[in-house]
Amino acid sequence: MLDKNYSFSPILLNAGIARHNADWNYNNISNPFFRIYLILEGKAQLKMNDVLYTLKPGNLYLIPSFTLHNDMCSGEFSLYYIHVYENQKRAISIFDEYDFPVEVPADKLSVNLIERLLDLNPNKELQQYDPKTYTNDPAFMKSLAGSGQMPIDILLETKGILCQVFSRFISKAISSGIKNDARIWSAVHYIRDHINNKIKISELAGHCNLSNDHLIRLFKKELNTTPIDYINRKKIEKAQLMLVIENNTIKEVAYALAFENISYFNKVFRKILNKTPTEYKKEMIAFT
């Protein structure tokens, strides 16, 4: 169960209904926003975190931001899609703190809410469905800017609907483990607050009053990853935002995030996203 004092401020980027016929096939997708799908008809599959999900009509699906995934369909398939940017007011994302189910049943109210969301935001439909077309710099910034220009009544109702639909997943979320140990909670906050700096294990361990080995063991136990892997993943997430939203060169991004050299930055980026920063940036600007 989530902390009742948690602050969640969703920004709607895109919402609409899509109908496909064997043309919903995209690999290695990773975006700085999360997605919610409501499946209407047909068959399709989603591969995420090495798990293959068969998308079923009548169910809601959640894909967290910065999560590498593949979309696949071989026939007719239709869905409602919602793209949401988490306007973080704290260093920690809600997706860092909790593990959410990928699939939950959609009740009648959820369907009605999504239909109402589309009625309120008729101009939020995607013009093209290839992820490269709506994650390039101008498209992403246009979506963010457009959300900020809504009339206040539509803005408030839109956010209320997003919170209600997202609550279907929140009700089944479980703690990721960060809150189970105050020392790891402190370490994660430190990493996020100093993501632009070079963070040494000894420095992080000292901040938590732990030895290096003890920190690594606790981190692995609570988050199922090492501190170095976590730091690198968060740096690459920040790099994606810098490449998508800001007009930074790859060199500027690498040095702004305190990577020792471009070669190591490329290596880490490719390990996490299965593509180099150059390939990623080319994809983002290909439809500009």
Protein backbone atom coordinates (compact mmCIF):
# COMPACT_ATOMS: atom_id res chain seq x y z
CA MET A 1 0.00 0.00 0.00
CA LEU A 2 1.27 3.46 -0.90
CA ASP A 3 1.95 6.15 1.67
CA LYS A 4 -1.25 8.22 1.89
CA ASN A 5 0.88 11.39 1.90
CA TYR A 6 2.50 10.53 -1.42
CA SER A 7 2.45 13.39 -3.95
CA PHE A 8 1.64 12.23 -7.48
CA SER A 9 1.34 14.84 -10.22
CA PRO A 10 0.65 13.24 -13.64
CA ILE A 11 0.84 15.22 -16.89
CA LEU A 12 -1.08 13.86 -19.86
CA LEU A 13 1.01 13.71 -23.04
CA ASN A 14 -1.06 11.57 -25.41
CA ALA A 15 -4.34 9.67 -25.32
CA GLY A 16 -6.43 8.05 -28.00
CA ILE A 17 -7.68 4.87 -29.58
CA ALA A 18 -5.49 2.92 -32.01
CA ARG A 19 -6.51 0.21 -34.45
CA HIS A 20 -3.77 -1.96 -35.89
CA ASN A 21 -3.48 -4.81 -38.35
CA ALA A 22 -0.11 -6.50 -37.94
CA ASP A 23 1.55 -3.06 -37.83
CA TRP A 24 2.17 -2.71 -34.07
CA ASN A 25 5.69 -4.15 -33.99
CA TYR A 26 8.39 -2.06 -32.32
CA ASN A 27 11.54 -3.16 -30.50
CA ASN A 28 13.70 -1.66 -27.78
CA ILE A 29 11.26 1.09 -26.81
CA SER A 30 12.20 3.19 -23.80
CA ASN A 31 10.61 6.54 -23.05
CA PRO A 32 10.71 9.17 -20.25
CA PHE A 33 6.99 8.69 -19.61
CA PHE A 34 4.80 5.79 -18.52
CA ARG A 35 2.04 4.17 -20.57
CA ILE A 36 -1.34 2.70 -19.76
CA TYR A 37 -3.13 0.51 -22.28
CA LEU A 38 -6.74 -0.66 -22.20
CA ILE A 39 -7.10 -3.52 -24.66
CA LEU A 40 -10.30 -3.52 -26.69
CA GLU A 41 -10.10 -6.30 -29.29
CA GLY A 42 -7.68 -8.65 -30.98
CA LYS A 43 -4.39 -10.21 -29.97
CA ALA A 44 -0.98 -8.71 -29.26
CA GLN A 45 2.01 -9.28 -27.05
CA LEU A 46 4.24 -7.16 -24.86
CA LYS A 47 7.74 -8.18 -23.83
CA MET A 48 9.15 -6.40 -20.80
CA ASN A 49 11.90 -7.35 -18.35
CA ASP A 50 12.32 -10.65 -20.25
CA VAL A 51 8.68 -11.58 -19.58
CA LEU A 52 6.24 -12.07 -22.46
CA TYR A 53 2.68 -10.89 -21.80
CA THR A 54 -0.30 -11.73 -23.99
CA LEU A 55 -2.50 -8.64 -24.04
CA LYS A 56 -6.10 -9.54 -23.30
CA PRO A 57 -9.24 -7.54 -24.13
CA GLY A 58 -10.77 -5.99 -21.01
CA ASN A 59 -7.47 -5.61 -19.16
CA LEU A 60 -5.34 -2.60 -18.29
CA TYR A 61 -1.54 -2.70 -18.78
CA LEU A 62 1.14 -0.48 -17.27
CA ILE A 63 4.61 0.18 -18.70
CA PRO A 64 6.75 2.29 -16.35
CA SER A 65 8.90 5.11 -17.69
CA PHE A 66 12.41 4.21 -18.88
CA THR A 67 11.44 0.55 -19.16
CA LEU A 68 12.77 -1.27 -22.22
CA HIS A 69 10.02 -3.22 -23.99
CA ASN A 70 8.84 -4.65 -27.31
CA ASP A 71 5.37 -4.43 -28.87
CA MET A 72 4.17 -7.23 -31.16
CA CYS A 73 1.01 -8.08 -33.07
CA SER A 74 0.37 -10.25 -36.14
CA GLY A 75 -3.26 -9.42 -36.86
CA GLU A 76 -6.08 -7.04 -35.97
CA PHE A 77 -5.69 -5.35 -32.62
CA SER A 78 -7.19 -2.25 -31.01
CA LEU A 79 -6.55 -0.42 -27.74
CA TYR A 80 -6.87 2.81 -25.82
CA TYR A 81 -3.43 4.27 -25.07
CA ILE A 82 -2.45 6.87 -22.48
CA HIS A 83 1.04 8.40 -22.20
CA VAL A 84 1.76 10.15 -18.91
CA TYR A 85 4.74 12.13 -17.66
CA GLU A 86 5.37 11.94 -13.93
CA ASN A 87 5.99 15.51 -12.79
CA GLN A 88 8.37 14.60 -10.00
CA LYS A 89 8.50 16.97 -7.06
CA ARG A 90 10.96 14.74 -5.22
CA ALA A 91 14.17 13.03 -6.19
CA ILE A 92 12.51 9.60 -6.04
CA SER A 93 10.05 8.41 -8.66
CA ILE A 94 6.98 6.42 -7.66
CA PHE A 95 8.37 3.63 -9.87
CA ASP A 96 11.51 3.49 -7.74
CA GLU A 97 9.57 3.04 -4.55
CA TYR A 98 7.03 0.45 -5.66
CA ASP A 99 6.74 -2.54 -7.94
CA PHE A 100 3.53 -2.34 -9.92
CA PRO A 101 1.63 -5.15 -11.59
CA VAL A 102 1.81 -5.08 -15.39
CA GLU A 103 -1.76 -6.33 -15.85
CA VAL A 104 -5.00 -5.65 -13.94
CA PRO A 105 -8.67 -6.12 -14.92
CA ALA A 106 -10.47 -3.01 -16.14
CA ASP A 107 -13.75 -2.38 -14.33
CA LYS A 108 -16.63 -0.51 -15.97
CA LEU A 109 -15.68 2.74 -14.23
CA SER A 110 -12.13 2.57 -15.60
CA VAL A 111 -13.49 2.21 -19.13
CA ASN A 112 -15.85 5.13 -18.61
CA LEU A 113 -13.03 7.24 -17.17
CA ILE A 114 -10.78 6.59 -20.17
CA GLU A 115 -13.60 7.41 -22.57
CA ARG A 116 -14.16 10.65 -20.66
CA LEU A 117 -10.43 11.40 -20.79
CA LEU A 118 -10.48 11.16 -24.59
CA ASP A 119 -13.58 13.36 -24.77
CA LEU A 120 -11.82 16.01 -22.68
CA ASN A 121 -8.61 15.82 -24.72
CA PRO A 122 -9.51 15.27 -28.39
CA ASN A 123 -6.25 16.90 -29.52
CA LYS A 124 -4.01 14.44 -27.69
CA GLU A 125 -4.18 11.63 -30.25
CA LEU A 126 -0.95 10.45 -31.83
CA GLN A 127 -0.53 11.35 -35.48
CA GLN A 128 1.85 8.41 -36.00
CA TYR A 129 2.31 5.30 -33.89
CA ASP A 130 6.02 4.64 -34.38
CA PRO A 131 7.60 5.52 -30.99
CA LYS A 132 10.43 7.36 -32.74
CA THR A 133 7.96 9.89 -34.12
CA TYR A 134 6.49 11.02 -30.82
CA THR A 135 9.59 10.93 -28.62
CA ASN A 136 11.75 13.25 -30.68
CA ASP A 137 12.54 16.64 -29.15
CA PRO A 138 9.79 18.80 -30.75
CA ALA A 139 7.04 16.19 -30.28
CA PHE A 140 7.81 15.58 -26.61
CA MET A 141 8.12 19.28 -25.80
CA LYS A 142 4.94 20.07 -27.73
CA SER A 143 3.03 17.49 -25.68
CA LEU A 144 4.35 18.88 -22.40
CA ALA A 145 3.63 22.46 -23.42
CA GLY A 146 0.15 21.58 -24.60
CA SER A 147 -0.72 20.02 -21.26
CA GLY A 148 0.28 23.22 -19.49
CA GLN A 149 -2.08 25.28 -21.64
CA MET A 150 -5.28 23.42 -20.77
CA PRO A 151 -8.18 25.36 -19.23
CA ILE A 152 -8.06 24.85 -15.48
CA ASP A 153 -11.30 22.83 -15.32
CA ILE A 154 -10.10 20.39 -17.99
CA LEU A 155 -6.65 20.21 -16.42
CA LEU A 156 -8.05 19.31 -13.00
CA GLU A 157 -10.50 16.73 -14.35
CA THR A 158 -7.79 15.21 -16.55
CA LYS A 159 -5.42 14.82 -13.59
CA GLY A 160 -8.22 13.38 -11.50
CA ILE A 161 -8.98 10.76 -14.15
CA LEU A 162 -5.31 9.86 -14.53
CA CYS A 163 -5.02 9.37 -10.77
CA GLN A 164 -8.14 7.21 -10.67
CA VAL A 165 -7.02 4.97 -13.55
CA PHE A 166 -3.51 4.71 -12.12
CA SER A 167 -5.02 3.78 -8.74
CA ARG A 168 -6.07 0.42 -10.24
CA PHE A 169 -2.37 -0.46 -10.32
CA ILE A 170 -1.49 1.32 -7.07
CA SER A 171 -3.95 -0.82 -5.13
CA LYS A 172 -1.89 -3.90 -6.06
CA ALA A 173 1.58 -2.31 -5.82
CA ILE A 174 4.12 -3.59 -3.32
CA SER A 175 7.12 -1.88 -1.82
CA SER A 176 10.24 -2.27 -3.93
CA GLY A 177 12.27 -2.69 -0.74
CA ILE A 178 13.74 0.78 -0.51
CA LYS A 179 11.57 1.75 2.44
CA ASN A 180 12.32 -1.48 4.27
CA ASP A 181 15.79 -0.26 5.20
CA ALA A 182 16.36 3.41 6.04
CA ARG A 183 20.01 3.12 5.02
CA ILE A 184 19.16 2.03 1.46
CA TRP A 185 16.43 4.67 1.32
CA SER A 186 19.08 7.24 2.24
CA ALA A 187 21.52 5.81 -0.34
CA VAL A 188 18.94 6.03 -3.14
CA HIS A 189 18.11 9.62 -2.23
CA TYR A 190 21.81 10.46 -2.22
CA ILE A 191 22.29 8.91 -5.67
CA ARG A 192 19.34 10.77 -7.16
CA ASP A 193 20.41 14.07 -5.58
CA HIS A 194 23.99 13.70 -6.86
CA ILE A 195 23.29 12.02 -10.21
CA ASN A 196 25.40 14.60 -12.06
CA ASN A 197 28.45 13.79 -9.96
CA LYS A 198 30.82 10.86 -9.90
CA ILE A 199 29.58 8.73 -7.01
CA LYS A 200 32.07 6.38 -5.39
CA ILE A 201 30.97 3.34 -3.40
CA SER A 202 33.11 4.48 -0.48
CA GLU A 203 31.41 7.88 -0.56
CA LEU A 204 27.96 6.30 -0.64
CA ALA A 205 28.83 3.83 2.10
CA GLY A 206 30.17 6.64 4.28
CA HIS A 207 26.96 8.59 3.81
CA CYS A 208 25.02 5.56 5.10
CA ASN A 209 27.53 4.76 7.89
CA LEU A 210 28.23 1.36 6.35
CA SER A 211 31.27 -0.46 5.08
CA ASN A 212 31.56 -0.87 1.31
CA ASP A 213 30.81 -4.60 1.47
CA HIS A 214 27.87 -4.15 3.83
CA LEU A 215 26.33 -1.48 1.56
CA ILE A 216 26.67 -3.71 -1.49
CA ARG A 217 25.08 -6.68 0.31
CA LEU A 218 22.15 -4.59 1.60
CA PHE A 219 21.60 -2.93 -1.76
CA LYS A 220 21.55 -6.29 -3.51
CA LYS A 221 19.16 -7.71 -0.92
CA GLU A 222 16.70 -4.80 -1.00
CA LEU A 223 16.79 -3.79 -4.68
CA ASN A 224 18.16 -6.88 -6.41
CA THR A 225 20.92 -4.87 -8.03
CA THR A 226 24.31 -3.44 -7.12
CA PRO A 227 24.89 0.22 -6.26
CA ILE A 228 27.03 0.67 -9.39
CA ASP A 229 24.36 -0.81 -11.67
CA TYR A 230 21.69 1.33 -10.03
CA ILE A 231 23.79 4.49 -10.38
CA ASN A 232 24.48 3.74 -14.04
CA ARG A 233 20.82 3.03 -14.78
CA LYS A 234 19.74 6.31 -13.22
CA LYS A 235 22.46 8.19 -15.10
CA ILE A 236 21.28 6.70 -18.40
CA GLU A 237 17.68 7.63 -17.59
CA LYS A 238 18.87 11.21 -17.04
CA ALA A 239 20.86 10.98 -20.29
CA GLN A 240 17.70 9.99 -22.18
CA LEU A 241 15.93 13.06 -20.88
CA MET A 242 18.88 15.27 -21.77
CA LEU A 243 19.03 13.84 -25.29
CA VAL A 244 15.27 14.05 -25.81
CA ILE A 245 14.33 17.32 -24.13
CA GLU A 246 17.53 19.35 -24.34
CA ASN A 247 19.70 20.04 -27.36
CA ASN A 248 22.84 18.47 -25.86
CA THR A 249 25.56 16.65 -27.74
CA ILE A 250 26.46 13.15 -26.63
CA LYS A 251 29.77 14.46 -25.34
CA GLU A 252 28.03 17.16 -23.30
CA VAL A 253 25.65 14.61 -21.79
CA ALA A 254 28.43 12.17 -20.91
CA TYR A 255 30.51 14.80 -19.13
CA ALA A 256 27.50 16.44 -17.47
CA LEU A 257 26.75 13.06 -15.87
CA ALA A 258 30.38 12.61 -14.77
CA PHE A 259 31.29 9.67 -17.01
CA GLU A 260 35.05 9.37 -17.26
CA ASN A 261 35.07 9.18 -21.04
CA ILE A 262 32.77 8.86 -24.04
CA SER A 263 33.71 5.24 -24.59
CA TYR A 264 32.51 4.17 -21.14
CA PHE A 265 29.32 6.23 -21.51
CA ASN A 266 28.62 4.49 -24.83
CA LYS A 267 29.26 1.09 -23.25
CA VAL A 268 26.89 1.67 -20.33
CA PHE A 269 24.21 3.23 -22.55
CA ARG A 270 24.30 0.28 -24.94
CA LYS A 271 24.21 -2.25 -22.09
CA ILE A 272 21.04 -0.71 -20.69
CA LEU A 273 19.17 0.28 -23.89
CA ASN A 274 20.62 -2.14 -26.47
CA LYS A 275 21.69 0.82 -28.60
CA THR A 276 24.39 3.46 -28.51
CA PRO A 277 23.71 7.12 -27.67
CA THR A 278 24.38 7.94 -31.33
CA GLU A 279 21.79 5.39 -32.50
CA TYR A 280 19.31 6.64 -29.90
CA LYS A 281 19.77 10.29 -30.86
CA LYS A 282 19.46 9.49 -34.59
CA GLU A 283 16.18 7.73 -33.92
CA MET A 284 14.91 10.70 -31.94
CA ILE A 285 15.67 13.24 -34.68
CA ALA A 286 14.81 11.02 -37.65
CA PHE A 287 11.26 12.40 -37.82
CA THR A 288 12.01 15.97 -36.78
